PDB file of all heavy atoms in Angstrom:
ATOM      1  N   TYR A   1      11.775   9.633  24.641  1.00  0.00           N
ATOM      2  CA  TYR A   1      11.887  10.420  23.517  1.00  0.00           C
ATOM      3  C   TYR A   1      12.801   9.774  22.432  1.00  0.00           C
ATOM      4  O   TYR A   1      12.552   9.917  21.255  1.00  0.00           O
ATOM      5  CB  TYR A   1      12.467  11.875  23.944  1.00  0.00           C
ATOM      6  CG  TYR A   1      11.604  12.560  24.846  1.00  0.00           C
ATOM      7  CD1 TYR A   1      11.977  12.796  26.156  1.00  0.00           C
ATOM      8  CD2 TYR A   1      10.309  13.110  24.373  1.00  0.00           C
ATOM      9  CE1 TYR A   1      11.078  13.413  26.917  1.00  0.00           C
ATOM     10  CE2 TYR A   1       9.571  13.721  25.171  1.00  0.00           C
ATOM     11  CZ  TYR A   1       9.800  13.974  26.460  1.00  0.00           C
ATOM     12  OH  TYR A   1       8.923  14.684  27.308  1.00  0.00           O
ATOM     13  N   VAL A   2      13.884   9.110  22.893  1.00  0.00           N
ATOM     14  CA  VAL A   2      14.721   8.359  21.938  1.00  0.00           C
ATOM     15  C   VAL A   2      13.890   7.399  21.206  1.00  0.00           C
ATOM     16  O   VAL A   2      14.003   7.262  19.982  1.00  0.00           O
ATOM     17  CB  VAL A   2      15.895   7.671  22.713  1.00  0.00           C
ATOM     18  CG1 VAL A   2      16.637   6.782  21.754  1.00  0.00           C
ATOM     19  CG2 VAL A   2      16.734   8.694  23.257  1.00  0.00           C
ATOM     20  N   SER A   3      13.036   6.588  21.911  1.00  0.00           N
ATOM     21  CA  SER A   3      12.180   5.630  21.298  1.00  0.00           C
ATOM     22  C   SER A   3      11.193   6.337  20.289  1.00  0.00           C
ATOM     23  O   SER A   3      11.013   5.754  19.193  1.00  0.00           O
ATOM     24  CB  SER A   3      11.309   4.876  22.352  1.00  0.00           C
ATOM     25  OG  SER A   3      12.246   4.163  23.146  1.00  0.00           O
ATOM     26  N   MET A   4      10.589   7.418  20.609  1.00  0.00           N
ATOM     27  CA  MET A   4       9.760   8.116  19.721  1.00  0.00           C
ATOM     28  C   MET A   4      10.386   8.578  18.509  1.00  0.00           C
ATOM     29  O   MET A   4       9.854   8.300  17.434  1.00  0.00           O
ATOM     30  CB  MET A   4       9.002   9.261  20.395  1.00  0.00           C
ATOM     31  CG  MET A   4       7.994   8.823  21.423  1.00  0.00           C
ATOM     32  SD  MET A   4       6.966  10.120  22.038  1.00  0.00           S
ATOM     33  CE  MET A   4       8.123  11.326  22.697  1.00  0.00           C
ATOM     34  N   VAL A   5      11.581   9.150  18.613  1.00  0.00           N
ATOM     35  CA  VAL A   5      12.308   9.624  17.454  1.00  0.00           C
ATOM     36  C   VAL A   5      12.691   8.403  16.572  1.00  0.00           C
ATOM     37  O   VAL A   5      12.623   8.527  15.320  1.00  0.00           O
ATOM     38  CB  VAL A   5      13.548  10.398  17.821  1.00  0.00           C
ATOM     39  CG1 VAL A   5      14.442  10.675  16.779  1.00  0.00           C
ATOM     40  CG2 VAL A   5      13.115  11.712  18.520  1.00  0.00           C
ATOM     41  N   ALA A   6      13.087   7.362  17.276  1.00  0.00           N
ATOM     42  CA  ALA A   6      13.451   6.086  16.520  1.00  0.00           C
ATOM     43  C   ALA A   6      12.305   5.594  15.655  1.00  0.00           C
ATOM     44  O   ALA A   6      12.443   5.136  14.518  1.00  0.00           O
ATOM     45  CB  ALA A   6      14.000   5.069  17.403  1.00  0.00           C
ATOM     46  N   ILE A   7      11.098   5.648  16.291  1.00  0.00           N
ATOM     47  CA  ILE A   7       9.910   5.156  15.523  1.00  0.00           C
ATOM     48  C   ILE A   7       9.596   5.984  14.331  1.00  0.00           C
ATOM     49  O   ILE A   7       9.234   5.571  13.260  1.00  0.00           O
ATOM     50  CB  ILE A   7       8.629   5.103  16.499  1.00  0.00           C
ATOM     51  CG1 ILE A   7       8.788   3.998  17.424  1.00  0.00           C
ATOM     52  CG2 ILE A   7       7.373   4.972  15.707  1.00  0.00           C
ATOM     53  CD1 ILE A   7       7.835   4.073  18.595  1.00  0.00           C
ATOM     54  N   PHE A   8       9.698   7.410  14.493  1.00  0.00           N
ATOM     55  CA  PHE A   8       9.474   8.259  13.377  1.00  0.00           C
ATOM     56  C   PHE A   8      10.489   7.999  12.276  1.00  0.00           C
ATOM     57  O   PHE A   8      10.207   7.959  11.143  1.00  0.00           O
ATOM     58  CB  PHE A   8       9.429   9.724  13.899  1.00  0.00           C
ATOM     59  CG  PHE A   8       8.265  10.039  14.647  1.00  0.00           C
ATOM     60  CD1 PHE A   8       8.382  10.750  15.792  1.00  0.00           C
ATOM     61  CD2 PHE A   8       7.015   9.705  14.268  1.00  0.00           C
ATOM     62  CE1 PHE A   8       7.312  11.147  16.603  1.00  0.00           C
ATOM     63  CE2 PHE A   8       5.955  10.023  14.977  1.00  0.00           C
ATOM     64  CZ  PHE A   8       6.034  10.746  16.208  1.00  0.00           C
ATOM     65  N   LEU A   9      11.709   7.845  12.759  1.00  0.00           N
ATOM     66  CA  LEU A   9      12.854   7.611  11.675  1.00  0.00           C
ATOM     67  C   LEU A   9      12.610   6.299  10.953  1.00  0.00           C
ATOM     68  O   LEU A   9      12.873   6.151   9.764  1.00  0.00           O
ATOM     69  CB  LEU A   9      14.151   7.740  12.327  1.00  0.00           C
ATOM     70  CG  LEU A   9      14.689   9.130  12.697  1.00  0.00           C
ATOM     71  CD1 LEU A   9      15.994   8.981  13.502  1.00  0.00           C
ATOM     72  CD2 LEU A   9      14.821   9.971  11.622  1.00  0.00           C
ATOM     73  N   PHE A  10      12.206   5.303  11.742  1.00  0.00           N
ATOM     74  CA  PHE A  10      11.973   3.989  11.144  1.00  0.00           C
ATOM     75  C   PHE A  10      10.878   4.053   9.979  1.00  0.00           C
ATOM     76  O   PHE A  10      11.191   3.584   8.875  1.00  0.00           O
ATOM     77  CB  PHE A  10      11.404   3.023  12.121  1.00  0.00           C
ATOM     78  CG  PHE A  10      11.296   1.611  11.739  1.00  0.00           C
ATOM     79  CD1 PHE A  10      12.373   0.726  11.964  1.00  0.00           C
ATOM     80  CD2 PHE A  10      10.145   1.120  11.198  1.00  0.00           C
ATOM     81  CE1 PHE A  10      12.349  -0.637  11.564  1.00  0.00           C
ATOM     82  CE2 PHE A  10      10.011  -0.165  10.776  1.00  0.00           C
ATOM     83  CZ  PHE A  10      11.190  -1.080  10.901  1.00  0.00           C
ATOM     84  N   VAL A  11       9.823   4.829  10.305  1.00  0.00           N
ATOM     85  CA  VAL A  11       8.760   4.983   9.323  1.00  0.00           C
ATOM     86  C   VAL A  11       9.318   5.872   8.081  1.00  0.00           C
ATOM     87  O   VAL A  11       9.115   5.544   6.947  1.00  0.00           O
ATOM     88  CB  VAL A  11       7.558   5.693   9.919  1.00  0.00           C
ATOM     89  CG1 VAL A  11       6.575   6.095   8.862  1.00  0.00           C
ATOM     90  CG2 VAL A  11       6.863   4.711  10.939  1.00  0.00           C
ATOM     91  N   ILE A  12      10.073   6.965   8.414  1.00  0.00           N
ATOM     92  CA  ILE A  12      10.582   7.708   7.336  1.00  0.00           C
ATOM     93  C   ILE A  12      11.626   6.944   6.394  1.00  0.00           C
ATOM     94  O   ILE A  12      11.377   6.930   5.160  1.00  0.00           O
ATOM     95  CB  ILE A  12      11.370   8.991   7.884  1.00  0.00           C
ATOM     96  CG1 ILE A  12      10.316   9.979   8.507  1.00  0.00           C
ATOM     97  CG2 ILE A  12      12.314   9.668   6.849  1.00  0.00           C
ATOM     98  CD1 ILE A  12      10.978  11.033   9.262  1.00  0.00           C
ATOM     99  N   PHE A  13      12.475   6.122   7.047  1.00  0.00           N
ATOM    100  CA  PHE A  13      13.381   5.342   6.220  1.00  0.00           C
ATOM    101  C   PHE A  13      12.584   4.170   5.512  1.00  0.00           C
ATOM    102  O   PHE A  13      13.008   3.880   4.323  1.00  0.00           O
ATOM    103  CB  PHE A  13      14.474   4.720   7.107  1.00  0.00           C
ATOM    104  CG  PHE A  13      15.572   5.609   7.453  1.00  0.00           C
ATOM    105  CD1 PHE A  13      15.758   6.070   8.711  1.00  0.00           C
ATOM    106  CD2 PHE A  13      16.500   6.162   6.468  1.00  0.00           C
ATOM    107  CE1 PHE A  13      16.718   6.920   9.038  1.00  0.00           C
ATOM    108  CE2 PHE A  13      17.447   6.986   6.716  1.00  0.00           C
ATOM    109  CZ  PHE A  13      17.650   7.436   8.019  1.00  0.00           C
ATOM    110  N   PHE A  14      11.545   3.779   5.946  1.00  0.00           N
ATOM    111  CA  PHE A  14      10.727   2.674   5.239  1.00  0.00           C
ATOM    112  C   PHE A  14       9.991   3.359   4.072  1.00  0.00           C
ATOM    113  O   PHE A  14      10.192   2.832   3.016  1.00  0.00           O
ATOM    114  CB  PHE A  14       9.613   2.210   6.116  1.00  0.00           C
ATOM    115  CG  PHE A  14       8.647   1.292   5.437  1.00  0.00           C
ATOM    116  CD1 PHE A  14       9.071  -0.073   5.146  1.00  0.00           C
ATOM    117  CD2 PHE A  14       7.453   1.679   4.996  1.00  0.00           C
ATOM    118  CE1 PHE A  14       8.146  -0.922   4.499  1.00  0.00           C
ATOM    119  CE2 PHE A  14       6.582   0.801   4.196  1.00  0.00           C
ATOM    120  CZ  PHE A  14       6.940  -0.342   4.067  1.00  0.00           C
ATOM    121  N   GLU A  15       9.645   4.607   4.224  1.00  0.00           N
ATOM    122  CA  GLU A  15       8.883   5.259   3.124  1.00  0.00           C
ATOM    123  C   GLU A  15       9.854   5.796   2.077  1.00  0.00           C
ATOM    124  O   GLU A  15       9.466   6.021   0.853  1.00  0.00           O
ATOM    125  CB  GLU A  15       8.052   6.533   3.647  1.00  0.00           C
ATOM    126  CG  GLU A  15       6.992   6.100   4.518  1.00  0.00           C
ATOM    127  CD  GLU A  15       5.900   5.338   3.715  1.00  0.00           C
ATOM    128  OE1 GLU A  15       5.724   5.493   2.519  1.00  0.00           O
ATOM    129  OE2 GLU A  15       5.381   4.452   4.315  1.00  0.00           O
ATOM    130  N   VAL A  16      11.159   5.937   2.419  1.00  0.00           N
ATOM    131  CA  VAL A  16      12.274   6.269   1.440  1.00  0.00           C
ATOM    132  C   VAL A  16      12.697   5.126   0.595  1.00  0.00           C
ATOM    133  O   VAL A  16      12.987   5.198  -0.511  1.00  0.00           O
ATOM    134  CB  VAL A  16      13.357   7.013   2.088  1.00  0.00           C
ATOM    135  CG1 VAL A  16      14.556   7.177   1.213  1.00  0.00           C
ATOM    136  CG2 VAL A  16      12.925   8.337   2.547  1.00  0.00           C
ATOM    137  N   GLY A  17      12.790   3.941   1.387  1.00  0.00           N
ATOM    138  CA  GLY A  17      13.448   2.817   0.590  1.00  0.00           C
ATOM    139  C   GLY A  17      12.590   1.593   0.555  1.00  0.00           C
ATOM    140  O   GLY A  17      11.898   1.324  -0.585  1.00  0.00           O
ATOM    141  N   PRO A  18      12.510   0.726   1.520  1.00  0.00           N
ATOM    142  CA  PRO A  18      11.836  -0.547   1.367  1.00  0.00           C
ATOM    143  C   PRO A  18      10.299  -0.490   1.018  1.00  0.00           C
ATOM    144  O   PRO A  18       9.648  -1.551   0.793  1.00  0.00           O
ATOM    145  CB  PRO A  18      11.990  -1.234   2.759  1.00  0.00           C
ATOM    146  CG  PRO A  18      13.316  -0.566   3.158  1.00  0.00           C
ATOM    147  CD  PRO A  18      13.267   0.776   2.828  1.00  0.00           C
ATOM    148  N   GLY A  19       9.621   0.782   1.330  1.00  0.00           N
ATOM    149  CA  GLY A  19       8.252   0.841   1.000  1.00  0.00           C
ATOM    150  C   GLY A  19       7.994   0.880  -0.454  1.00  0.00           C
ATOM    151  O   GLY A  19       7.351  -0.017  -0.957  1.00  0.00           O
ATOM    152  N   PRO A  20       8.495   1.825  -1.285  1.00  0.00           N
ATOM    153  CA  PRO A  20       8.183   1.943  -2.669  1.00  0.00           C
ATOM    154  C   PRO A  20       9.156   1.208  -3.585  1.00  0.00           C
ATOM    155  O   PRO A  20       8.810   0.813  -4.592  1.00  0.00           O
ATOM    156  CB  PRO A  20       8.192   3.407  -2.905  1.00  0.00           C
ATOM    157  CG  PRO A  20       9.301   3.980  -1.864  1.00  0.00           C
ATOM    158  CD  PRO A  20       9.094   3.015  -0.651  1.00  0.00           C
ATOM    159  N   ILE A  21      10.505   1.087  -3.204  1.00  0.00           N
ATOM    160  CA  ILE A  21      11.451   0.702  -4.146  1.00  0.00           C
ATOM    161  C   ILE A  21      11.254  -0.747  -4.677  1.00  0.00           C
ATOM    162  O   ILE A  21      11.467  -0.981  -5.876  1.00  0.00           O
ATOM    163  CB  ILE A  21      12.894   0.791  -3.521  1.00  0.00           C
ATOM    164  CG1 ILE A  21      13.196   2.234  -3.171  1.00  0.00           C
ATOM    165  CG2 ILE A  21      13.990   0.284  -4.402  1.00  0.00           C
ATOM    166  CD1 ILE A  21      13.257   3.149  -4.279  1.00  0.00           C
ATOM    167  N   PRO A  22      10.812  -1.707  -3.733  1.00  0.00           N
ATOM    168  CA  PRO A  22      10.692  -3.064  -4.370  1.00  0.00           C
ATOM    169  C   PRO A  22       9.535  -3.093  -5.511  1.00  0.00           C
ATOM    170  O   PRO A  22       9.777  -3.867  -6.460  1.00  0.00           O
ATOM    171  CB  PRO A  22      10.154  -3.839  -3.170  1.00  0.00           C
ATOM    172  CG  PRO A  22      10.724  -3.190  -1.967  1.00  0.00           C
ATOM    173  CD  PRO A  22      10.723  -1.634  -2.283  1.00  0.00           C
ATOM    174  N   TRP A  23       8.688  -2.170  -5.481  1.00  0.00           N
ATOM    175  CA  TRP A  23       7.760  -2.088  -6.683  1.00  0.00           C
ATOM    176  C   TRP A  23       8.286  -1.645  -7.880  1.00  0.00           C
ATOM    177  O   TRP A  23       8.005  -2.085  -8.997  1.00  0.00           O
ATOM    178  CB  TRP A  23       6.354  -1.331  -6.172  1.00  0.00           C
ATOM    179  CG  TRP A  23       5.832  -1.763  -5.015  1.00  0.00           C
ATOM    180  CD1 TRP A  23       5.834  -1.220  -3.743  1.00  0.00           C
ATOM    181  CD2 TRP A  23       5.073  -2.991  -4.830  1.00  0.00           C
ATOM    182  NE1 TRP A  23       5.188  -1.995  -2.925  1.00  0.00           N
ATOM    183  CE2 TRP A  23       4.631  -3.190  -3.498  1.00  0.00           C
ATOM    184  CE3 TRP A  23       4.714  -3.947  -5.802  1.00  0.00           C
ATOM    185  CZ2 TRP A  23       3.864  -4.183  -3.089  1.00  0.00           C
ATOM    186  CZ3 TRP A  23       3.975  -5.039  -5.310  1.00  0.00           C
ATOM    187  CH2 TRP A  23       3.558  -5.238  -3.980  1.00  0.00           C
ATOM    188  N   PHE A  24       9.199  -0.715  -7.774  1.00  0.00           N
ATOM    189  CA  PHE A  24       9.998  -0.206  -8.963  1.00  0.00           C
ATOM    190  C   PHE A  24      10.800  -1.361  -9.532  1.00  0.00           C
ATOM    191  O   PHE A  24      10.803  -1.600 -10.687  1.00  0.00           O
ATOM    192  CB  PHE A  24      10.947   0.911  -8.660  1.00  0.00           C
ATOM    193  CG  PHE A  24      10.262   2.331  -8.417  1.00  0.00           C
ATOM    194  CD1 PHE A  24       9.893   2.710  -7.126  1.00  0.00           C
ATOM    195  CD2 PHE A  24      10.053   3.105  -9.512  1.00  0.00           C
ATOM    196  CE1 PHE A  24       9.371   3.971  -6.990  1.00  0.00           C
ATOM    197  CE2 PHE A  24       9.458   4.345  -9.462  1.00  0.00           C
ATOM    198  CZ  PHE A  24       9.106   4.734  -8.156  1.00  0.00           C
ATOM    199  N   ILE A  25      11.508  -2.064  -8.570  1.00  0.00           N
ATOM    200  CA  ILE A  25      12.509  -2.987  -8.927  1.00  0.00           C
ATOM    201  C   ILE A  25      11.802  -4.251  -9.599  1.00  0.00           C
ATOM    202  O   ILE A  25      12.169  -4.797 -10.671  1.00  0.00           O
ATOM    203  CB  ILE A  25      13.370  -3.415  -7.796  1.00  0.00           C
ATOM    204  CG1 ILE A  25      14.296  -2.315  -7.455  1.00  0.00           C
ATOM    205  CG2 ILE A  25      14.193  -4.703  -8.123  1.00  0.00           C
ATOM    206  CD1 ILE A  25      15.145  -2.552  -6.204  1.00  0.00           C
ATOM    207  N   VAL A  26      10.753  -4.773  -9.024  1.00  0.00           N
ATOM    208  CA  VAL A  26       9.949  -5.881  -9.600  1.00  0.00           C
ATOM    209  C   VAL A  26       9.438  -5.563 -10.877  1.00  0.00           C
ATOM    210  O   VAL A  26       9.528  -6.247 -11.846  1.00  0.00           O
ATOM    211  CB  VAL A  26       8.772  -6.283  -8.631  1.00  0.00           C
ATOM    212  CG1 VAL A  26       7.819  -7.255  -9.319  1.00  0.00           C
ATOM    213  CG2 VAL A  26       9.340  -6.865  -7.332  1.00  0.00           C
ATOM    214  N   ALA A  27       8.966  -4.326 -11.176  1.00  0.00           N
ATOM    215  CA  ALA A  27       8.433  -4.011 -12.490  1.00  0.00           C
ATOM    216  C   ALA A  27       9.603  -3.842 -13.519  1.00  0.00           C
ATOM    217  O   ALA A  27       9.267  -4.117 -14.629  1.00  0.00           O
ATOM    218  CB  ALA A  27       7.709  -2.557 -12.411  1.00  0.00           C
ATOM    219  N   GLU A  28      10.772  -3.540 -13.081  1.00  0.00           N
ATOM    220  CA  GLU A  28      11.904  -3.411 -14.042  1.00  0.00           C
ATOM    221  C   GLU A  28      12.618  -4.694 -14.260  1.00  0.00           C
ATOM    222  O   GLU A  28      13.322  -4.854 -15.175  1.00  0.00           O
ATOM    223  CB  GLU A  28      12.875  -2.298 -13.505  1.00  0.00           C
ATOM    224  CG  GLU A  28      12.249  -0.914 -13.569  1.00  0.00           C
ATOM    225  CD  GLU A  28      13.123   0.056 -12.876  1.00  0.00           C
ATOM    226  OE1 GLU A  28      13.938  -0.286 -12.088  1.00  0.00           O
ATOM    227  OE2 GLU A  28      12.760   1.354 -13.135  1.00  0.00           O
ATOM    228  N   LEU A  29      12.566  -5.703 -13.264  1.00  0.00           N
ATOM    229  CA  LEU A  29      13.281  -6.867 -13.435  1.00  0.00           C
ATOM    230  C   LEU A  29      12.660  -7.911 -14.386  1.00  0.00           C
ATOM    231  O   LEU A  29      13.303  -8.799 -14.910  1.00  0.00           O
ATOM    232  CB  LEU A  29      13.467  -7.634 -12.030  1.00  0.00           C
ATOM    233  CG  LEU A  29      14.431  -6.981 -11.132  1.00  0.00           C
ATOM    234  CD1 LEU A  29      14.570  -7.718  -9.844  1.00  0.00           C
ATOM    235  CD2 LEU A  29      15.827  -6.854 -11.748  1.00  0.00           C
ATOM    236  N   PHE A  30      11.308  -7.814 -14.713  1.00  0.00           N
ATOM    237  CA  PHE A  30      10.587  -8.810 -15.496  1.00  0.00           C
ATOM    238  C   PHE A  30      10.098  -8.169 -16.695  1.00  0.00           C
ATOM    239  O   PHE A  30       9.676  -7.002 -16.733  1.00  0.00           O
ATOM    240  CB  PHE A  30       9.456  -9.277 -14.692  1.00  0.00           C
ATOM    241  CG  PHE A  30       9.881 -10.096 -13.500  1.00  0.00           C
ATOM    242  CD1 PHE A  30       9.924  -9.564 -12.324  1.00  0.00           C
ATOM    243  CD2 PHE A  30      10.234 -11.470 -13.722  1.00  0.00           C
ATOM    244  CE1 PHE A  30      10.378 -10.246 -11.192  1.00  0.00           C
ATOM    245  CE2 PHE A  30      10.598 -12.175 -12.574  1.00  0.00           C
ATOM    246  CZ  PHE A  30      10.760 -11.644 -11.332  1.00  0.00           C
ATOM    247  N   SER A  31      10.114  -8.950 -17.853  1.00  0.00           N
ATOM    248  CA  SER A  31       9.673  -8.391 -19.155  1.00  0.00           C
ATOM    249  C   SER A  31       8.164  -8.296 -19.105  1.00  0.00           C
ATOM    250  O   SER A  31       7.521  -8.739 -18.110  1.00  0.00           O
ATOM    251  CB  SER A  31      10.172  -9.158 -20.260  1.00  0.00           C
ATOM    252  OG  SER A  31       9.547 -10.469 -20.178  1.00  0.00           O
ATOM    253  N   GLN A  32       7.541  -7.813 -20.132  1.00  0.00           N
ATOM    254  CA  GLN A  32       6.152  -7.586 -20.234  1.00  0.00           C
ATOM    255  C   GLN A  32       5.276  -8.867 -19.977  1.00  0.00           C
ATOM    256  O   GLN A  32       4.346  -8.808 -19.373  1.00  0.00           O
ATOM    257  CB  GLN A  32       5.830  -7.008 -21.652  1.00  0.00           C
ATOM    258  CG  GLN A  32       4.500  -6.485 -21.772  1.00  0.00           C
ATOM    259  CD  GLN A  32       4.264  -5.160 -20.878  1.00  0.00           C
ATOM    260  OE1 GLN A  32       5.230  -4.512 -20.593  1.00  0.00           O
ATOM    261  NE2 GLN A  32       2.971  -5.081 -20.492  1.00  0.00           N
ATOM    262  N   GLY A  33       5.735  -9.979 -20.394  1.00  0.00           N
ATOM    263  CA  GLY A  33       5.077 -11.229 -20.277  1.00  0.00           C
ATOM    264  C   GLY A  33       4.833 -11.654 -18.809  1.00  0.00           C
ATOM    265  O   GLY A  33       3.759 -11.755 -18.321  1.00  0.00           O
ATOM    266  N   PRO A  34       5.897 -11.938 -18.087  1.00  0.00           N
ATOM    267  CA  PRO A  34       5.795 -12.426 -16.759  1.00  0.00           C
ATOM    268  C   PRO A  34       5.593 -11.220 -15.644  1.00  0.00           C
ATOM    269  O   PRO A  34       5.463 -11.562 -14.527  1.00  0.00           O
ATOM    270  CB  PRO A  34       7.120 -13.114 -16.402  1.00  0.00           C
ATOM    271  CG  PRO A  34       8.071 -12.496 -17.412  1.00  0.00           C
ATOM    272  CD  PRO A  34       7.361 -12.146 -18.553  1.00  0.00           C
ATOM    273  N   ARG A  35       5.584 -10.046 -16.089  1.00  0.00           N
ATOM    274  CA  ARG A  35       5.543  -8.904 -15.167  1.00  0.00           C
ATOM    275  C   ARG A  35       4.270  -8.989 -14.293  1.00  0.00           C
ATOM    276  O   ARG A  35       4.350  -8.849 -12.969  1.00  0.00           O
ATOM    277  CB  ARG A  35       5.676  -7.562 -15.864  1.00  0.00           C
ATOM    278  CG  ARG A  35       5.811  -6.436 -14.795  1.00  0.00           C
ATOM    279  CD  ARG A  35       5.998  -5.086 -15.518  1.00  0.00           C
ATOM    280  NE  ARG A  35       7.323  -5.146 -16.212  1.00  0.00           N
ATOM    281  CZ  ARG A  35       7.517  -4.517 -17.420  1.00  0.00           C
ATOM    282  NH1 ARG A  35       6.587  -3.828 -17.963  1.00  0.00           N
ATOM    283  NH2 ARG A  35       8.723  -4.539 -17.914  1.00  0.00           N
ATOM    284  N   PRO A  36       3.144  -9.133 -14.820  1.00  0.00           N
ATOM    285  CA  PRO A  36       1.912  -9.177 -13.926  1.00  0.00           C
ATOM    286  C   PRO A  36       1.983 -10.268 -12.863  1.00  0.00           C
ATOM    287  O   PRO A  36       1.550 -10.065 -11.892  1.00  0.00           O
ATOM    288  CB  PRO A  36       0.769  -9.371 -14.919  1.00  0.00           C
ATOM    289  CG  PRO A  36       1.227  -8.883 -16.211  1.00  0.00           C
ATOM    290  CD  PRO A  36       2.716  -9.186 -16.165  1.00  0.00           C
ATOM    291  N   ALA A  37       2.428 -11.432 -13.267  1.00  0.00           N
ATOM    292  CA  ALA A  37       2.603 -12.531 -12.314  1.00  0.00           C
ATOM    293  C   ALA A  37       3.606 -12.216 -11.255  1.00  0.00           C
ATOM    294  O   ALA A  37       3.325 -12.497 -10.072  1.00  0.00           O
ATOM    295  CB  ALA A  37       2.957 -13.867 -12.986  1.00  0.00           C
ATOM    296  N   ALA A  38       4.698 -11.553 -11.688  1.00  0.00           N
ATOM    297  CA  ALA A  38       5.725 -11.323 -10.699  1.00  0.00           C
ATOM    298  C   ALA A  38       5.299 -10.229  -9.698  1.00  0.00           C
ATOM    299  O   ALA A  38       5.498 -10.357  -8.400  1.00  0.00           O
ATOM    300  CB  ALA A  38       7.052 -10.760 -11.373  1.00  0.00           C
ATOM    301  N   ILE A  39       4.541  -9.287 -10.122  1.00  0.00           N
ATOM    302  CA  ILE A  39       3.939  -8.241  -9.295  1.00  0.00           C
ATOM    303  C   ILE A  39       2.857  -8.851  -8.358  1.00  0.00           C
ATOM    304  O   ILE A  39       2.809  -8.479  -7.199  1.00  0.00           O
ATOM    305  CB  ILE A  39       3.386  -7.039 -10.134  1.00  0.00           C
ATOM    306  CG1 ILE A  39       4.568  -6.326 -10.784  1.00  0.00           C
ATOM    307  CG2 ILE A  39       2.514  -6.102  -9.183  1.00  0.00           C
ATOM    308  CD1 ILE A  39       4.110  -5.153 -11.607  1.00  0.00           C
ATOM    309  N   ALA A  40       2.151  -9.777  -8.895  1.00  0.00           N
ATOM    310  CA  ALA A  40       1.078 -10.445  -8.014  1.00  0.00           C
ATOM    311  C   ALA A  40       1.807 -11.311  -6.956  1.00  0.00           C
ATOM    312  O   ALA A  40       1.318 -11.201  -5.820  1.00  0.00           O
ATOM    313  CB  ALA A  40       0.189 -11.289  -8.886  1.00  0.00           C
ATOM    314  N   VAL A  41       2.832 -11.990  -7.184  1.00  0.00           N
ATOM    315  CA  VAL A  41       3.583 -12.687  -6.278  1.00  0.00           C
ATOM    316  C   VAL A  41       4.236 -11.780  -5.265  1.00  0.00           C
ATOM    317  O   VAL A  41       4.203 -12.025  -4.000  1.00  0.00           O
ATOM    318  CB  VAL A  41       4.634 -13.611  -6.796  1.00  0.00           C
ATOM    319  CG1 VAL A  41       5.669 -14.273  -5.857  1.00  0.00           C
ATOM    320  CG2 VAL A  41       3.909 -14.823  -7.712  1.00  0.00           C
ATOM    321  N   ALA A  42       4.829 -10.714  -5.656  1.00  0.00           N
ATOM    322  CA  ALA A  42       5.429  -9.691  -4.769  1.00  0.00           C
ATOM    323  C   ALA A  42       4.370  -9.136  -3.886  1.00  0.00           C
ATOM    324  O   ALA A  42       4.600  -8.939  -2.742  1.00  0.00           O
ATOM    325  CB  ALA A  42       6.128  -8.632  -5.652  1.00  0.00           C
TER     326      ALA A  42
END
């Protein structure tokens, strides 16, 4: 049960942070010109 709860929490924390946030940050770190290339590399 500890393992199952840990798996569910792992997914929840991923969906709160490392899942979507890098896409926000990549889009905001680059100006209009290099942004498409940066998003493609990411």
